[in-house]
Amino acid sequence: MTDTSSRILGTPVAPLGLEEASSVIAAWAAGCVARVVCAVNVHMIMEAWDNPAFAAGLAGADLSVCDGRPLVWACRLHGVRDAQQTRGMDLMLRVSEVAARRGLVVGLFGAEPSVAEDVRRQLLERNPGLEIAYCWSPPFRPLTVSEDEAVVRDIAAARVDVLFVSLGCPKQEWWMFEHRERVSCVMVGVGAAFDMVAGKVTVAPRWMQRAGLEWAVRFASEPRRLWRRYVTHNGRFLLLALREWSCSHRPGCRDRPVQ
């Protein structure tokens, strides 16, 4: 794996392109070892900024790619000139394609049952021969101990190599952090990818993605749910990221900007 690592407001990211990230995940999956992969965006960075425990979990992830375009720009400001964006949905689709070719078993965890089933059907239509051996939509509440143990048993029984987790940030990351010692597969947090693939959430056109305007499409489709997140996080991220970059060019400046 190419060393293109950077730190954005203290969170380590490796802004790999889609092909390299998919190859890394496939290689890990073939080895049947537990790994945590995060598709990091501004929301996740700010959750880590505000919560040291969450920041520690993210720091321990095996791979964190740049889901959000602003993170790519931040990495480039820090000198990673070849930083690339790898969106959670694109990563899920590409890894599924690679899994179909290499005979890797895929699992789906998250979203509503109808959405998860739509995702399952679309992945199979796109990738003939893909084996999706596990598909479960958890209830919108904490799992009981027995339910959680059943999930771990079912994933193991299905011999899942790559598990796509779509619970939303930070719930999906917490779930992966807490289960990395209990499952022997690569867990990939893909955010709203299930809803996007199922057509429940509007996907921004590529030009808007490249311009860093994907958030505007998401906001327009779900303003009541997302307005607080964008108002709270986006402005702070911009100010803190600029201050961090400025600080990195001044000798003796503190690593962590003042909140």
C-alpha atoms as a PDB file:
ATOM      1  CA  MET A   1       0.000   0.000   0.000  1.00  0.00           C
ATOM      2  CA  THR A   2       1.365   3.372  -1.013  1.00  0.00           C
ATOM      3  CA  ASP A   3       2.304   5.566   1.934  1.00  0.00           C
ATOM      4  CA  THR A   4       0.108   8.625   1.387  1.00  0.00           C
ATOM      5  CA  SER A   5      -1.000   9.002   4.980  1.00  0.00           C
ATOM      6  CA  SER A   6      -1.963  12.336   6.467  1.00  0.00           C
ATOM      7  CA  ARG A   7      -3.656  13.652   9.598  1.00  0.00           C
ATOM      8  CA  ILE A   8      -6.707  15.883   9.438  1.00  0.00           C
ATOM      9  CA  LEU A   9      -7.497  17.550  12.785  1.00  0.00           C
ATOM     10  CA  GLY A  10      -5.675  14.690  14.456  1.00  0.00           C
ATOM     11  CA  THR A  11      -7.430  11.878  12.565  1.00  0.00           C
ATOM     12  CA  PRO A  12      -5.141   9.742  10.386  1.00  0.00           C
ATOM     13  CA  VAL A  13      -6.333   9.148   6.824  1.00  0.00           C
ATOM     14  CA  ALA A  14      -4.798   7.344   3.857  1.00  0.00           C
ATOM     15  CA  PRO A  15      -6.408   9.047   0.843  1.00  0.00           C
ATOM     16  CA  LEU A  16      -6.024   6.138  -1.562  1.00  0.00           C
ATOM     17  CA  GLY A  17      -7.798   5.890  -4.893  1.00  0.00           C
ATOM     18  CA  LEU A  18     -10.637   3.455  -5.464  1.00  0.00           C
ATOM     19  CA  GLU A  19      -8.544   0.780  -7.174  1.00  0.00           C
ATOM     20  CA  GLU A  20      -5.786   0.689  -4.568  1.00  0.00           C
ATOM     21  CA  ALA A  21      -8.212   0.729  -1.637  1.00  0.00           C
ATOM     22  CA  SER A  22     -10.259  -2.091  -3.192  1.00  0.00           C
ATOM     23  CA  SER A  23      -7.138  -4.174  -3.768  1.00  0.00           C
ATOM     24  CA  VAL A  24      -6.022  -3.722  -0.164  1.00  0.00           C
ATOM     25  CA  ILE A  25      -9.442  -4.776   1.149  1.00  0.00           C
ATOM     26  CA  ALA A  26      -9.573  -7.804  -1.153  1.00  0.00           C
ATOM     27  CA  ALA A  27      -6.118  -8.935  -0.048  1.00  0.00           C
ATOM     28  CA  TRP A  28      -7.095  -8.669   3.615  1.00  0.00           C
ATOM     29  CA  ALA A  29     -10.365 -10.496   2.970  1.00  0.00           C
ATOM     30  CA  ALA A  30      -8.568 -13.360   1.265  1.00  0.00           C
ATOM     31  CA  GLY A  31      -6.503 -13.756   4.427  1.00  0.00           C
ATOM     32  CA  CYS A  32      -9.615 -14.122   6.609  1.00  0.00           C
ATOM     33  CA  VAL A  33      -8.452 -11.575   9.159  1.00  0.00           C
ATOM     34  CA  ALA A  34     -10.451  -8.906  10.985  1.00  0.00           C
ATOM     35  CA  ARG A  35      -9.933  -5.401   9.683  1.00  0.00           C
ATOM     36  CA  VAL A  36     -11.783  -2.099  10.067  1.00  0.00           C
ATOM     37  CA  VAL A  37     -12.116   0.208   7.065  1.00  0.00           C
ATOM     38  CA  CYS A  38     -13.657   3.677   7.427  1.00  0.00           C
ATOM     39  CA  ALA A  39     -14.832   6.024   4.685  1.00  0.00           C
ATOM     40  CA  VAL A  40     -14.104   9.307   6.433  1.00  0.00           C
ATOM     41  CA  ASN A  41     -16.001  12.536   5.814  1.00  0.00           C
ATOM     42  CA  VAL A  42     -16.287  15.911   7.563  1.00  0.00           C
ATOM     43  CA  HIS A  43     -18.978  14.619   9.918  1.00  0.00           C
ATOM     44  CA  MET A  44     -16.696  11.821  11.098  1.00  0.00           C
ATOM     45  CA  ILE A  45     -13.697  14.125  11.523  1.00  0.00           C
ATOM     46  CA  MET A  46     -15.741  16.470  13.700  1.00  0.00           C
ATOM     47  CA  GLU A  47     -17.196  13.604  15.742  1.00  0.00           C
ATOM     48  CA  ALA A  48     -13.605  12.580  16.469  1.00  0.00           C
ATOM     49  CA  TRP A  49     -12.652  16.181  17.272  1.00  0.00           C
ATOM     50  CA  ASP A  50     -15.453  16.390  19.837  1.00  0.00           C
ATOM     51  CA  ASN A  51     -15.093  12.877  21.291  1.00  0.00           C
ATOM     52  CA  PRO A  52     -11.619  11.618  22.305  1.00  0.00           C
ATOM     53  CA  ALA A  53     -12.887   8.028  22.640  1.00  0.00           C
ATOM     54  CA  PHE A  54     -14.200   8.080  19.079  1.00  0.00           C
ATOM     55  CA  ALA A  55     -10.951   9.687  17.911  1.00  0.00           C
ATOM     56  CA  ALA A  56      -9.002   6.829  19.506  1.00  0.00           C
ATOM     57  CA  GLY A  57     -11.186   4.305  17.711  1.00  0.00           C
ATOM     58  CA  LEU A  58     -10.665   5.991  14.347  1.00  0.00           C
ATOM     59  CA  ALA A  59      -6.932   6.163  14.969  1.00  0.00           C
ATOM     60  CA  GLY A  60      -6.989   2.376  15.364  1.00  0.00           C
ATOM     61  CA  ALA A  61      -8.777   1.713  12.072  1.00  0.00           C
ATOM     62  CA  ASP A  62      -6.765  -0.339   9.609  1.00  0.00           C
ATOM     63  CA  LEU A  63      -7.647   1.898   6.663  1.00  0.00           C
ATOM     64  CA  SER A  64      -9.392   5.279   6.489  1.00  0.00           C
ATOM     65  CA  VAL A  65     -10.090   6.617   3.013  1.00  0.00           C
ATOM     66  CA  CYS A  66     -11.400  10.069   2.079  1.00  0.00           C
ATOM     67  CA  ASP A  67     -15.108   9.799   1.452  1.00  0.00           C
ATOM     68  CA  GLY A  68     -15.528  13.587   1.464  1.00  0.00           C
ATOM     69  CA  ARG A  69     -13.943  15.916  -1.080  1.00  0.00           C
ATOM     70  CA  PRO A  70     -12.965  18.511   1.562  1.00  0.00           C
ATOM     71  CA  LEU A  71     -10.703  15.888   3.141  1.00  0.00           C
ATOM     72  CA  VAL A  72      -8.910  15.401  -0.178  1.00  0.00           C
ATOM     73  CA  TRP A  73      -8.263  19.137  -0.342  1.00  0.00           C
ATOM     74  CA  ALA A  74      -7.035  19.141   3.259  1.00  0.00           C
ATOM     75  CA  CYS A  75      -4.624  16.274   2.517  1.00  0.00           C
ATOM     76  CA  ARG A  76      -3.255  18.162  -0.472  1.00  0.00           C
ATOM     77  CA  LEU A  77      -2.720  21.249   1.670  1.00  0.00           C
ATOM     78  CA  HIS A  78      -0.653  19.007   3.948  1.00  0.00           C
ATOM     79  CA  GLY A  79       1.543  17.945   1.039  1.00  0.00           C
ATOM     80  CA  VAL A  80      -0.150  14.708  -0.099  1.00  0.00           C
ATOM     81  CA  ARG A  81      -0.392  15.849  -3.703  1.00  0.00           C
ATOM     82  CA  ASP A  82      -1.782  12.580  -5.055  1.00  0.00           C
ATOM     83  CA  ALA A  83      -4.587  12.355  -2.475  1.00  0.00           C
ATOM     84  CA  GLN A  84      -7.746  10.911  -3.986  1.00  0.00           C
ATOM     85  CA  GLN A  85     -11.405  10.628  -3.027  1.00  0.00           C
ATOM     86  CA  THR A  86     -12.903   7.187  -2.433  1.00  0.00           C
ATOM     87  CA  ARG A  87     -16.603   7.413  -1.634  1.00  0.00           C
ATOM     88  CA  GLY A  88     -18.243   4.742   0.479  1.00  0.00           C
ATOM     89  CA  MET A  89     -20.761   3.812  -2.203  1.00  0.00           C
ATOM     90  CA  ASP A  90     -18.096   3.549  -4.906  1.00  0.00           C
ATOM     91  CA  LEU A  91     -15.951   1.434  -2.601  1.00  0.00           C
ATOM     92  CA  MET A  92     -18.811  -0.979  -1.896  1.00  0.00           C
ATOM     93  CA  LEU A  93     -19.591  -1.373  -5.591  1.00  0.00           C
ATOM     94  CA  ARG A  94     -15.953  -1.852  -6.590  1.00  0.00           C
ATOM     95  CA  VAL A  95     -15.129  -4.291  -3.783  1.00  0.00           C
ATOM     96  CA  SER A  96     -18.241  -6.312  -4.668  1.00  0.00           C
ATOM     97  CA  GLU A  97     -17.014  -6.514  -8.254  1.00  0.00           C
ATOM     98  CA  VAL A  98     -13.586  -7.704  -7.112  1.00  0.00           C
ATOM     99  CA  ALA A  99     -15.184 -10.169  -4.664  1.00  0.00           C
ATOM    100  CA  ALA A 100     -17.230 -11.729  -7.463  1.00  0.00           C
ATOM    101  CA  ARG A 101     -14.070 -12.329  -9.509  1.00  0.00           C
ATOM    102  CA  ARG A 102     -12.040 -13.700  -6.620  1.00  0.00           C
ATOM    103  CA  GLY A 103     -14.728 -15.813  -4.983  1.00  0.00           C
ATOM    104  CA  LEU A 104     -14.907 -13.745  -1.801  1.00  0.00           C
ATOM    105  CA  VAL A 105     -18.065 -13.926   0.294  1.00  0.00           C
ATOM    106  CA  VAL A 106     -19.896 -10.673   1.020  1.00  0.00           C
ATOM    107  CA  GLY A 107     -22.249  -9.745   3.860  1.00  0.00           C
ATOM    108  CA  LEU A 108     -24.619  -6.780   4.341  1.00  0.00           C
ATOM    109  CA  PHE A 109     -25.382  -5.304   7.756  1.00  0.00           C
ATOM    110  CA  GLY A 110     -27.643  -2.297   8.180  1.00  0.00           C
ATOM    111  CA  ALA A 111     -30.512  -0.217   6.753  1.00  0.00           C
ATOM    112  CA  GLU A 112     -34.177  -1.154   6.659  1.00  0.00           C
ATOM    113  CA  PRO A 113     -35.028  -4.710   5.498  1.00  0.00           C
ATOM    114  CA  SER A 114     -36.510  -3.527   2.183  1.00  0.00           C
ATOM    115  CA  VAL A 115     -33.463  -1.331   1.497  1.00  0.00           C
ATOM    116  CA  ALA A 116     -31.001  -4.092   2.358  1.00  0.00           C
ATOM    117  CA  GLU A 117     -32.852  -6.472   0.058  1.00  0.00           C
ATOM    118  CA  ASP A 118     -32.753  -3.923  -2.775  1.00  0.00           C
ATOM    119  CA  VAL A 119     -29.000  -3.537  -2.267  1.00  0.00           C
ATOM    120  CA  ARG A 120     -28.557  -7.291  -2.260  1.00  0.00           C
ATOM    121  CA  ARG A 121     -30.534  -7.650  -5.510  1.00  0.00           C
ATOM    122  CA  GLN A 122     -28.669  -4.837  -7.252  1.00  0.00           C
ATOM    123  CA  LEU A 123     -25.237  -6.125  -6.253  1.00  0.00           C
ATOM    124  CA  LEU A 124     -26.140  -9.574  -7.597  1.00  0.00           C
ATOM    125  CA  GLU A 125     -27.444  -8.086 -10.848  1.00  0.00           C
ATOM    126  CA  ARG A 126     -24.259  -6.060 -11.296  1.00  0.00           C
ATOM    127  CA  ASN A 127     -21.958  -8.956 -10.406  1.00  0.00           C
ATOM    128  CA  PRO A 128     -23.116 -12.390 -11.585  1.00  0.00           C
ATOM    129  CA  GLY A 129     -21.489 -15.024  -9.420  1.00  0.00           C
ATOM    130  CA  LEU A 130     -21.182 -12.801  -6.354  1.00  0.00           C
ATOM    131  CA  GLU A 131     -21.995 -14.684  -3.161  1.00  0.00           C
ATOM    132  CA  ILE A 132     -23.887 -12.649  -0.569  1.00  0.00           C
ATOM    133  CA  ALA A 133     -24.194 -15.130   2.268  1.00  0.00           C
ATOM    134  CA  TYR A 134     -25.354 -12.754   5.015  1.00  0.00           C
ATOM    135  CA  CYS A 135     -27.879  -9.923   5.001  1.00  0.00           C
ATOM    136  CA  TRP A 136     -29.432  -8.511   8.152  1.00  0.00           C
ATOM    137  CA  SER A 137     -31.094  -5.260   9.180  1.00  0.00           C
ATOM    138  CA  PRO A 138     -30.648  -4.617  12.907  1.00  0.00           C
ATOM    139  CA  PRO A 139     -33.477  -2.968  14.857  1.00  0.00           C
ATOM    140  CA  PHE A 140     -33.304   0.764  15.611  1.00  0.00           C
ATOM    141  CA  ARG A 141     -32.268   0.123  19.210  1.00  0.00           C
ATOM    142  CA  PRO A 142     -29.250  -1.356  20.992  1.00  0.00           C
ATOM    143  CA  LEU A 143     -29.000  -5.102  20.515  1.00  0.00           C
ATOM    144  CA  THR A 144     -29.399  -7.346  23.516  1.00  0.00           C
ATOM    145  CA  VAL A 145     -26.441  -9.488  24.497  1.00  0.00           C
ATOM    146  CA  SER A 146     -28.077 -12.590  23.034  1.00  0.00           C
ATOM    147  CA  GLU A 147     -28.942 -10.775  19.791  1.00  0.00           C
ATOM    148  CA  ASP A 148     -25.400  -9.523  19.444  1.00  0.00           C
ATOM    149  CA  GLU A 149     -23.977 -12.977  20.047  1.00  0.00           C
ATOM    150  CA  ALA A 150     -26.330 -14.348  17.394  1.00  0.00           C
ATOM    151  CA  VAL A 151     -25.066 -11.752  14.895  1.00  0.00           C
ATOM    152  CA  VAL A 152     -21.464 -12.786  15.515  1.00  0.00           C
ATOM    153  CA  ARG A 153     -22.373 -16.478  15.158  1.00  0.00           C
ATOM    154  CA  ASP A 154     -24.328 -15.890  11.951  1.00  0.00           C
ATOM    155  CA  ILE A 155     -21.509 -13.900  10.334  1.00  0.00           C
ATOM    156  CA  ALA A 156     -19.052 -16.660  11.198  1.00  0.00           C
ATOM    157  CA  ALA A 157     -21.408 -19.393   9.972  1.00  0.00           C
ATOM    158  CA  ALA A 158     -21.850 -17.568   6.662  1.00  0.00           C
ATOM    159  CA  ARG A 159     -18.052 -17.436   6.286  1.00  0.00           C
ATOM    160  CA  VAL A 160     -18.217 -13.756   5.351  1.00  0.00           C
ATOM    161  CA  ASP A 161     -14.979 -12.288   3.982  1.00  0.00           C
ATOM    162  CA  VAL A 162     -16.171  -8.662   3.542  1.00  0.00           C
ATOM    163  CA  LEU A 163     -18.973  -7.178   5.619  1.00  0.00           C
ATOM    164  CA  PHE A 164     -20.435  -3.860   4.442  1.00  0.00           C
ATOM    165  CA  VAL A 165     -21.782  -1.934   7.437  1.00  0.00           C
ATOM    166  CA  SER A 166     -24.320   0.823   6.776  1.00  0.00           C
ATOM    167  CA  LEU A 167     -25.573   2.229  10.077  1.00  0.00           C
ATOM    168  CA  GLY A 168     -24.564   5.870   9.715  1.00  0.00           C
ATOM    169  CA  CYS A 169     -21.834   7.775  11.551  1.00  0.00           C
ATOM    170  CA  PRO A 170     -20.839   7.287  14.329  1.00  0.00           C
ATOM    171  CA  LYS A 171     -22.990   4.224  15.023  1.00  0.00           C
ATOM    172  CA  GLN A 172     -21.411   2.059  12.327  1.00  0.00           C
ATOM    173  CA  GLU A 173     -17.872   2.936  13.423  1.00  0.00           C
ATOM    174  CA  TRP A 174     -18.613   2.140  17.058  1.00  0.00           C
ATOM    175  CA  TRP A 175     -20.083  -1.185  15.978  1.00  0.00           C
ATOM    176  CA  MET A 176     -16.977  -2.060  13.979  1.00  0.00           C
ATOM    177  CA  PHE A 177     -14.610  -0.975  16.757  1.00  0.00           C
ATOM    178  CA  GLU A 178     -16.490  -3.130  19.257  1.00  0.00           C
ATOM    179  CA  HIS A 179     -16.561  -6.222  17.008  1.00  0.00           C
ATOM    180  CA  ARG A 180     -13.101  -6.249  15.447  1.00  0.00           C
ATOM    181  CA  GLU A 181     -11.928  -8.917  17.916  1.00  0.00           C
ATOM    182  CA  ARG A 182     -15.075 -10.989  17.468  1.00  0.00           C
ATOM    183  CA  VAL A 183     -15.397 -11.438  13.706  1.00  0.00           C
ATOM    184  CA  SER A 184     -12.868 -12.699  11.182  1.00  0.00           C
ATOM    185  CA  CYS A 185     -13.696 -10.514   8.219  1.00  0.00           C
ATOM    186  CA  VAL A 186     -13.007  -7.084   6.784  1.00  0.00           C
ATOM    187  CA  MET A 187     -15.674  -4.654   8.008  1.00  0.00           C
ATOM    188  CA  VAL A 188     -16.188  -1.682   5.698  1.00  0.00           C
ATOM    189  CA  GLY A 189     -18.255   1.252   6.948  1.00  0.00           C
ATOM    190  CA  VAL A 190     -20.081   2.682   3.950  1.00  0.00           C
ATOM    191  CA  GLY A 191     -22.378   5.305   5.490  1.00  0.00           C
ATOM    192  CA  ALA A 192     -25.463   6.015   3.375  1.00  0.00           C
ATOM    193  CA  ALA A 193     -24.307   3.719   0.554  1.00  0.00           C
ATOM    194  CA  PHE A 194     -27.161   1.252   1.062  1.00  0.00           C
ATOM    195  CA  ASP A 195     -29.770   4.006   0.719  1.00  0.00           C
ATOM    196  CA  MET A 196     -27.957   5.424  -2.317  1.00  0.00           C
ATOM    197  CA  VAL A 197     -27.695   2.110  -4.149  1.00  0.00           C
ATOM    198  CA  ALA A 198     -31.349   1.359  -3.350  1.00  0.00           C
ATOM    199  CA  GLY A 199     -32.381   4.753  -4.730  1.00  0.00           C
ATOM    200  CA  LYS A 200     -33.729   6.000  -1.431  1.00  0.00           C
ATOM    201  CA  VAL A 201     -31.184   8.849  -1.290  1.00  0.00           C
ATOM    202  CA  THR A 202     -30.305  11.048  -4.262  1.00  0.00           C
ATOM    203  CA  VAL A 203     -26.740  10.612  -5.530  1.00  0.00           C
ATOM    204  CA  ALA A 204     -25.010  13.831  -6.568  1.00  0.00           C
ATOM    205  CA  PRO A 205     -23.703  13.972 -10.152  1.00  0.00           C
ATOM    206  CA  ARG A 206     -19.955  13.517 -10.533  1.00  0.00           C
ATOM    207  CA  TRP A 207     -19.259  17.185 -11.231  1.00  0.00           C
ATOM    208  CA  MET A 208     -20.849  18.128  -7.897  1.00  0.00           C
ATOM    209  CA  GLN A 209     -18.831  15.434  -6.142  1.00  0.00           C
ATOM    210  CA  ARG A 210     -15.610  16.797  -7.636  1.00  0.00           C
ATOM    211  CA  ALA A 211     -16.600  20.334  -6.642  1.00  0.00           C
ATOM    212  CA  GLY A 212     -17.201  19.292  -3.039  1.00  0.00           C
ATOM    213  CA  LEU A 213     -20.940  19.995  -3.306  1.00  0.00           C
ATOM    214  CA  GLU A 214     -22.298  16.523  -2.606  1.00  0.00           C
ATOM    215  CA  TRP A 215     -23.407  17.727   0.826  1.00  0.00           C
ATOM    216  CA  ALA A 216     -25.789  20.213  -0.851  1.00  0.00           C
ATOM    217  CA  VAL A 217     -27.634  17.404  -2.632  1.00  0.00           C
ATOM    218  CA  ARG A 218     -27.892  15.417   0.588  1.00  0.00           C
ATOM    219  CA  PHE A 219     -29.117  18.474   2.468  1.00  0.00           C
ATOM    220  CA  ALA A 220     -31.730  19.283  -0.183  1.00  0.00           C
ATOM    221  CA  SER A 221     -33.118  15.752   0.027  1.00  0.00           C
ATOM    222  CA  GLU A 222     -33.192  15.565   3.857  1.00  0.00           C
ATOM    223  CA  PRO A 223     -33.062  19.125   5.263  1.00  0.00           C
ATOM    224  CA  ARG A 224     -34.899  18.416   8.521  1.00  0.00           C
ATOM    225  CA  ARG A 225     -32.568  15.567   9.446  1.00  0.00           C
ATOM    226  CA  LEU A 226     -29.276  17.019   8.232  1.00  0.00           C
ATOM    227  CA  TRP A 227     -29.419  20.764   8.844  1.00  0.00           C
ATOM    228  CA  ARG A 228     -28.048  20.553  12.378  1.00  0.00           C
ATOM    229  CA  ARG A 229     -25.143  18.364  11.287  1.00  0.00           C
ATOM    230  CA  TYR A 230     -24.078  20.714   8.508  1.00  0.00           C
ATOM    231  CA  VAL A 231     -24.547  23.877  10.533  1.00  0.00           C
ATOM    232  CA  THR A 232     -22.620  22.400  13.461  1.00  0.00           C
ATOM    233  CA  HIS A 233     -19.805  20.662  11.602  1.00  0.00           C
ATOM    234  CA  ASN A 234     -19.042  22.195   8.209  1.00  0.00           C
ATOM    235  CA  GLY A 235     -18.160  25.726   9.293  1.00  0.00           C
ATOM    236  CA  ARG A 236     -16.076  24.524  12.226  1.00  0.00           C
ATOM    237  CA  PHE A 237     -14.229  22.051  10.031  1.00  0.00           C
ATOM    238  CA  LEU A 238     -13.303  24.752   7.536  1.00  0.00           C
ATOM    239  CA  LEU A 239     -11.996  27.119  10.202  1.00  0.00           C
ATOM    240  CA  LEU A 240     -10.102  24.448  12.125  1.00  0.00           C
ATOM    241  CA  ALA A 241      -8.607  22.850   9.005  1.00  0.00           C
ATOM    242  CA  LEU A 242      -7.339  26.220   7.768  1.00  0.00           C
ATOM    243  CA  ARG A 243      -5.906  26.990  11.180  1.00  0.00           C
ATOM    244  CA  GLU A 244      -4.233  23.588  11.323  1.00  0.00           C
ATOM    245  CA  TRP A 245      -2.652  24.160   7.918  1.00  0.00           C
ATOM    246  CA  SER A 246      -1.474  27.632   8.940  1.00  0.00           C
ATOM    247  CA  CYS A 247      -0.102  26.262  12.193  1.00  0.00           C
ATOM    248  CA  SER A 248       1.848  23.548  10.361  1.00  0.00           C
ATOM    249  CA  HIS A 249       3.831  26.296   8.612  1.00  0.00           C
ATOM    250  CA  ARG A 250       4.764  28.160  11.790  1.00  0.00           C
ATOM    251  CA  PRO A 251       7.560  26.836  14.031  1.00  0.00           C
ATOM    252  CA  GLY A 252       6.478  26.261  17.606  1.00  0.00           C
ATOM    253  CA  CYS A 253       2.756  26.337  16.859  1.00  0.00           C
ATOM    254  CA  ARG A 254       0.663  23.816  18.800  1.00  0.00           C
ATOM    255  CA  ASP A 255      -0.418  20.720  16.874  1.00  0.00           C
ATOM    256  CA  ARG A 256      -4.043  20.951  18.000  1.00  0.00           C
ATOM    257  CA  PRO A 257      -5.824  24.235  17.337  1.00  0.00           C
ATOM    258  CA  VAL A 258      -7.797  25.839  20.124  1.00  0.00           C
ATOM    259  CA  GLN A 259     -11.487  24.840  20.014  1.00  0.00           C
END
